[in-house]
Amino acid sequence: MIRPQRLGHVVLRVRDLDRSLAFYTRVTGLKIAAHKRETGQSFLSYGDDHHALALFEGGRDDAGPVDRRLTGMSHTGWELEDPRALDAAREALESDGMEVEQRTGGAGRRSILFPDPDGNRVELYCDADTCGRFWERRIVIRTRKLGHIALRVGDIERSRDFYAAVLNMKVTSEDPETGECTLGLEPGRRDIVLCRAPTAERPGGEAPGLLHFAWRLEDFRQVQHACRALRGMGMEPRTTLHNVTHSIYVQDPDGHTVELYSDRWENGFEAMRTLGPMSVPMDIETGERAGPA
């Protein structure tokens, strides 16, 4: 059984590294842990780990070729406890017939990568050293952590079973009518949200892949502050009231959707189970539904 400790990081392909770096350091409050201009890579962190988000310019993965047309998610990274757990995971995946890519990096870092049923790459890794050097940047919005990622998938049940089996995740909520399923590494957590893609090649960016990734804020006042700050940068966030969160959505320079949210309830998943998912326009001044019920 593979038992990740947490969702470690997300890697995004971007067209312009400097432009995206400025966006994420301002919008999420992340600091630069490492910046490799020669390879077109930036790694961002809150300061208690090596990175929570990585930006790869021009579709580069490691030292691969540049293709500025490529944007989107490169992979998600899940942290394992130690090298023995990583070796056991590799053996289990290979025994199931999966093609597993092995990698080694600096400071004793080891990882394996493999595709999920829709081709989204999954990385499992462990580290011998998580030290980093952090550069100060002006912070506009202070997020607390990477909250969750939302993926469009071709088959909800197939992807649900994959993440439950491979990453030992628990189904937190499931709604066959809306085509959404939420999974967490522990009961009551939301680490991955699976959303049904109507077809595998639907026009308009609806094919399987990254739907959005979310950053948790301290409370609703911080969501209000974030909305004002983003408007001050010339953006117009979409404000949404969910059953479990107050959320705003904005697109980064390459069109990746970023959610900034605060939890509405201490046990929001009880509301999710009893009321189901909800997405309605939100009045940013009151935190209530905007317009008629």
Protein backbone atom coordinates (compact mmCIF):
# COMPACT_ATOMS: atom_id res chain seq x y z
CA MET A 1 0.00 0.00 0.00
CA ILE A 2 1.39 3.41 -1.03
CA ARG A 3 0.82 6.01 1.71
CA PRO A 4 1.75 9.59 0.75
CA GLN A 5 2.11 12.00 3.66
CA ARG A 6 0.71 14.98 1.76
CA LEU A 7 0.27 16.71 -1.58
CA GLY A 8 3.75 18.13 -1.99
CA HIS A 9 3.72 20.41 -5.03
CA VAL A 10 2.34 21.23 -8.46
CA VAL A 11 4.50 21.90 -11.52
CA LEU A 12 3.16 24.25 -14.21
CA ARG A 13 4.42 24.88 -17.72
CA VAL A 14 4.49 28.64 -18.48
CA ARG A 15 5.32 30.78 -21.49
CA ASP A 16 7.22 33.57 -19.72
CA LEU A 17 9.02 32.61 -16.51
CA ASP A 18 9.57 36.14 -15.19
CA ARG A 19 5.95 37.15 -15.78
CA SER A 20 4.56 34.05 -14.05
CA LEU A 21 7.09 34.34 -11.23
CA ALA A 22 5.96 37.89 -10.50
CA PHE A 23 2.31 36.79 -10.55
CA TYR A 24 2.68 33.89 -8.10
CA THR A 25 4.97 35.66 -5.63
CA ARG A 26 2.44 38.50 -5.42
CA VAL A 27 -0.78 36.49 -5.47
CA THR A 28 0.21 33.59 -3.18
CA GLY A 29 2.98 35.09 -1.02
CA LEU A 30 5.35 32.28 -1.99
CA LYS A 31 9.09 32.95 -1.88
CA ILE A 32 11.71 31.86 -4.38
CA ALA A 33 13.64 28.82 -3.17
CA ALA A 34 15.63 28.37 -6.39
CA HIS A 35 15.71 30.15 -9.74
CA LYS A 36 17.51 28.61 -12.72
CA ARG A 37 17.39 31.05 -15.58
CA GLU A 38 19.61 28.84 -17.77
CA THR A 39 17.11 25.97 -17.60
CA GLY A 40 13.98 28.11 -17.31
CA GLN A 41 12.89 26.84 -13.89
CA SER A 42 11.71 28.52 -10.69
CA PHE A 43 10.80 26.76 -7.44
CA LEU A 44 8.60 28.58 -4.90
CA SER A 45 8.01 27.78 -1.23
CA TYR A 46 6.46 29.07 1.98
CA GLY A 47 9.82 28.56 3.71
CA ASP A 48 9.18 25.27 5.52
CA ASP A 49 9.87 23.03 2.52
CA HIS A 50 11.84 23.10 -0.72
CA HIS A 51 8.86 24.02 -2.93
CA ALA A 52 5.07 24.03 -3.15
CA LEU A 53 4.96 25.25 -6.77
CA ALA A 54 7.41 24.97 -9.65
CA LEU A 55 7.29 26.95 -12.89
CA PHE A 56 8.90 25.50 -16.03
CA GLU A 57 9.26 27.90 -18.94
CA GLY A 58 8.40 26.92 -22.50
CA GLY A 59 7.22 23.42 -21.63
CA ARG A 60 10.63 22.42 -20.29
CA ASP A 61 10.80 19.47 -17.95
CA ASP A 62 14.30 19.31 -16.46
CA ALA A 63 16.61 20.32 -19.33
CA GLY A 64 14.26 19.39 -22.16
CA PRO A 65 13.59 21.39 -25.32
CA VAL A 66 11.75 24.71 -25.29
CA ASP A 67 8.25 24.91 -26.75
CA ARG A 68 6.48 28.09 -25.66
CA ARG A 69 3.15 26.81 -26.95
CA LEU A 70 3.01 24.32 -24.09
CA THR A 71 1.27 25.39 -20.90
CA GLY A 72 -0.70 23.50 -18.28
CA MET A 73 0.20 21.04 -15.59
CA SER A 74 3.42 19.06 -15.86
CA HIS A 75 2.80 16.87 -12.81
CA THR A 76 1.68 16.70 -9.18
CA GLY A 77 4.15 15.63 -6.50
CA TRP A 78 3.27 13.51 -3.46
CA GLU A 79 5.73 13.16 -0.58
CA LEU A 80 6.55 9.73 0.88
CA GLU A 81 8.06 9.07 4.28
CA ASP A 82 11.47 7.64 3.32
CA PRO A 83 13.43 5.86 0.54
CA ARG A 84 12.11 2.46 1.63
CA ALA A 85 8.55 3.65 1.03
CA LEU A 86 9.60 4.93 -2.41
CA ASP A 87 11.21 1.61 -3.34
CA ALA A 88 8.13 -0.27 -2.17
CA ALA A 89 5.91 2.03 -4.22
CA ARG A 90 8.00 1.50 -7.34
CA GLU A 91 7.88 -2.28 -6.93
CA ALA A 92 4.12 -2.24 -6.37
CA LEU A 93 3.46 -0.07 -9.43
CA GLU A 94 5.73 -2.11 -11.69
CA SER A 95 4.15 -5.35 -10.48
CA ASP A 96 0.81 -3.89 -11.61
CA GLY A 97 2.26 -3.37 -15.08
CA MET A 98 2.78 0.41 -14.89
CA GLU A 99 5.68 2.05 -16.70
CA VAL A 100 7.61 3.91 -14.00
CA GLU A 101 10.29 6.54 -14.64
CA GLN A 102 12.98 6.86 -11.93
CA ARG A 103 14.86 10.09 -11.20
CA THR A 104 17.53 11.34 -8.84
CA GLY A 105 18.29 14.95 -7.94
CA GLY A 106 20.40 17.12 -5.71
CA ALA A 107 20.54 16.81 -1.92
CA GLY A 108 19.69 13.12 -2.06
CA ARG A 109 16.30 13.60 -3.74
CA ARG A 110 14.79 10.53 -5.41
CA SER A 111 11.50 10.24 -7.25
CA ILE A 112 9.42 8.12 -9.57
CA LEU A 113 6.87 9.33 -12.14
CA PHE A 114 3.96 7.53 -13.82
CA PRO A 115 0.70 8.54 -15.60
CA ASP A 116 -2.79 8.42 -14.16
CA PRO A 117 -5.65 7.09 -16.34
CA ASP A 118 -5.98 10.42 -18.20
CA GLY A 119 -2.26 10.91 -18.74
CA ASN A 120 -1.72 13.41 -15.89
CA ARG A 121 1.70 12.64 -14.49
CA VAL A 122 2.05 11.70 -10.83
CA GLU A 123 5.35 11.99 -8.95
CA LEU A 124 6.17 10.17 -5.71
CA TYR A 125 9.30 11.41 -3.98
CA CYS A 126 11.36 11.52 -0.79
CA ASP A 127 14.10 13.91 0.26
CA ALA A 128 17.28 13.61 2.27
CA ASP A 129 17.61 17.38 2.55
CA THR A 130 14.85 19.97 2.29
CA CYS A 131 16.92 23.07 2.96
CA GLY A 132 16.49 26.01 0.62
CA ARG A 133 17.57 29.59 0.18
CA PHE A 134 14.73 32.11 0.13
CA TRP A 135 14.69 35.54 -1.44
CA GLU A 136 12.41 38.22 -0.07
CA ARG A 137 9.67 39.59 -2.32
CA ARG A 138 6.87 42.02 -1.66
CA ILE A 139 3.82 39.99 -0.62
CA VAL A 140 0.36 41.23 -1.56
CA ILE A 141 -1.74 38.21 -0.51
CA ARG A 142 -0.77 35.72 2.20
CA THR A 143 -1.97 32.22 1.48
CA ARG A 144 -1.54 29.51 4.13
CA LYS A 145 -0.93 26.48 1.96
CA LEU A 146 -1.69 24.73 -1.31
CA GLY A 147 -5.23 23.56 -0.63
CA HIS A 148 -6.18 21.17 -3.43
CA ILE A 149 -6.00 20.51 -7.15
CA ALA A 150 -9.01 19.95 -9.40
CA LEU A 151 -8.64 17.66 -12.41
CA ARG A 152 -10.90 17.08 -15.39
CA VAL A 153 -11.05 13.34 -16.04
CA GLY A 154 -12.58 11.18 -18.73
CA ASP A 155 -14.11 8.63 -16.35
CA ILE A 156 -14.86 9.60 -12.73
CA GLU A 157 -15.07 6.04 -11.40
CA ARG A 158 -11.85 4.97 -13.13
CA SER A 159 -9.89 7.95 -11.80
CA ARG A 160 -11.47 7.64 -8.33
CA ASP A 161 -10.40 4.01 -8.12
CA PHE A 162 -6.92 4.88 -9.38
CA TYR A 163 -6.24 7.56 -6.75
CA ALA A 164 -7.86 5.50 -4.00
CA ALA A 165 -5.74 2.46 -4.84
CA VAL A 166 -2.43 4.05 -5.83
CA LEU A 167 -2.28 6.92 -3.32
CA ASN A 168 -4.45 5.34 -0.59
CA MET A 169 -6.88 8.26 -0.72
CA LYS A 170 -10.31 8.27 0.89
CA VAL A 171 -13.46 9.37 -0.93
CA THR A 172 -14.70 12.44 0.92
CA SER A 173 -17.74 13.22 -1.22
CA GLU A 174 -19.22 11.98 -4.47
CA ASP A 175 -22.07 13.28 -6.61
CA PRO A 176 -22.80 11.18 -9.72
CA GLU A 177 -25.30 13.77 -11.02
CA THR A 178 -22.79 16.63 -11.19
CA GLY A 179 -19.86 14.37 -11.99
CA GLU A 180 -17.68 15.43 -9.05
CA CYS A 181 -15.72 13.34 -6.59
CA THR A 182 -13.47 14.62 -3.78
CA LEU A 183 -10.66 12.57 -2.24
CA GLY A 184 -8.31 13.18 0.68
CA LEU A 185 -5.29 11.50 2.20
CA GLU A 186 -7.25 11.43 5.48
CA PRO A 187 -10.99 11.46 6.24
CA GLY A 188 -12.31 15.03 6.08
CA ARG A 189 -9.49 16.34 3.88
CA ARG A 190 -9.81 17.56 0.31
CA ASP A 191 -6.62 17.03 -1.69
CA ILE A 192 -7.99 16.17 -5.15
CA VAL A 193 -11.30 17.11 -6.77
CA LEU A 194 -12.21 15.06 -9.83
CA CYS A 195 -14.57 16.71 -12.32
CA ARG A 196 -16.06 14.86 -15.26
CA ALA A 197 -14.98 16.00 -18.72
CA PRO A 198 -17.96 15.44 -21.06
CA THR A 199 -15.67 14.02 -23.74
CA ALA A 200 -11.96 13.29 -23.95
CA GLU A 201 -11.46 15.93 -26.66
CA ARG A 202 -14.17 18.50 -25.96
CA PRO A 203 -13.36 21.93 -27.51
CA GLY A 204 -12.74 24.94 -25.33
CA GLY A 205 -10.18 23.52 -22.94
CA GLU A 206 -12.48 20.88 -21.45
CA ALA A 207 -10.24 17.88 -22.17
CA PRO A 208 -8.76 15.95 -19.23
CA GLY A 209 -6.11 17.90 -17.34
CA LEU A 210 -5.80 20.67 -14.79
CA LEU A 211 -9.07 22.46 -14.01
CA HIS A 212 -7.68 24.71 -11.25
CA PHE A 213 -5.51 24.60 -8.16
CA ALA A 214 -6.48 26.24 -4.90
CA TRP A 215 -4.68 28.17 -2.17
CA ARG A 216 -6.16 28.44 1.29
CA LEU A 217 -6.43 31.81 3.08
CA GLU A 218 -6.83 32.43 6.80
CA ASP A 219 -10.43 33.69 6.79
CA PHE A 220 -13.07 35.53 4.74
CA ARG A 221 -11.52 38.91 5.51
CA GLN A 222 -8.38 37.71 3.75
CA VAL A 223 -10.51 36.65 0.76
CA GLN A 224 -11.96 40.18 0.66
CA HIS A 225 -8.47 41.67 0.89
CA ALA A 226 -7.25 39.37 -1.88
CA CYS A 227 -10.15 40.43 -4.12
CA ARG A 228 -9.33 44.12 -3.57
CA ALA A 229 -5.63 43.48 -4.16
CA LEU A 230 -6.27 41.62 -7.41
CA ARG A 231 -8.57 44.41 -8.62
CA GLY A 232 -5.79 46.82 -7.79
CA MET A 233 -3.55 44.82 -10.14
CA GLY A 234 -6.08 45.28 -12.93
CA MET A 235 -7.71 41.84 -12.63
CA GLU A 236 -11.37 41.06 -12.06
CA PRO A 237 -11.72 37.90 -9.94
CA ARG A 238 -14.79 35.71 -10.21
CA THR A 239 -16.41 35.51 -6.77
CA THR A 240 -18.15 32.24 -5.90
CA LEU A 241 -19.99 30.94 -2.86
CA HIS A 242 -19.59 27.19 -2.35
CA ASN A 243 -21.20 25.09 0.37
CA VAL A 244 -17.82 24.76 2.08
CA THR A 245 -15.79 27.81 0.97
CA HIS A 246 -15.80 31.51 0.12
CA SER A 247 -13.82 31.51 -3.13
CA ILE A 248 -12.44 33.83 -5.75
CA TYR A 249 -10.96 32.71 -9.05
CA VAL A 250 -8.43 34.44 -11.28
CA GLN A 251 -6.33 33.32 -14.24
CA ASP A 252 -2.55 33.47 -14.23
CA PRO A 253 -0.63 34.86 -17.24
CA ASP A 254 -0.91 31.53 -19.10
CA GLY A 255 -4.57 30.95 -18.38
CA HIS A 256 -4.20 28.50 -15.47
CA THR A 257 -7.09 29.06 -13.07
CA VAL A 258 -6.07 29.90 -9.50
CA GLU A 259 -8.58 29.68 -6.63
CA LEU A 260 -8.09 31.61 -3.39
CA TYR A 261 -10.48 30.53 -0.65
CA SER A 262 -11.34 30.38 3.04
CA ASP A 263 -13.30 27.61 4.74
CA ARG A 264 -16.85 28.46 5.82
CA TRP A 265 -17.17 25.76 8.47
CA GLU A 266 -14.89 23.97 10.91
CA ASN A 267 -16.27 20.70 9.55
CA GLY A 268 -17.13 21.70 6.04
CA PHE A 269 -17.26 18.17 4.74
CA GLU A 270 -20.39 17.47 6.76
CA ALA A 271 -22.05 20.26 4.76
CA MET A 272 -20.68 18.73 1.56
CA ARG A 273 -22.10 15.33 2.45
CA THR A 274 -25.53 16.63 3.42
CA LEU A 275 -25.99 19.50 0.95
CA GLY A 276 -23.75 18.45 -1.93
CA PRO A 277 -21.64 20.82 -4.03
CA MET A 278 -22.80 24.36 -4.71
CA SER A 279 -21.39 27.12 -6.92
CA VAL A 280 -23.29 30.44 -7.02
CA PRO A 281 -22.17 34.07 -7.46
CA MET A 282 -21.01 35.64 -4.19
CA ASP A 283 -21.31 39.17 -2.84
CA ILE A 284 -17.72 39.92 -1.79
CA GLU A 285 -18.89 42.48 0.77
CA THR A 286 -21.16 40.10 2.70
CA GLY A 287 -19.96 36.63 1.76
CA GLU A 288 -23.54 35.68 0.89
CA ARG A 289 -25.18 34.68 -2.37
CA ALA A 290 -25.32 37.55 -4.87
CA GLY A 291 -28.71 38.17 -6.43
CA PRO A 292 -31.91 36.19 -5.93
CA ALA A 293 -31.78 32.76 -4.24
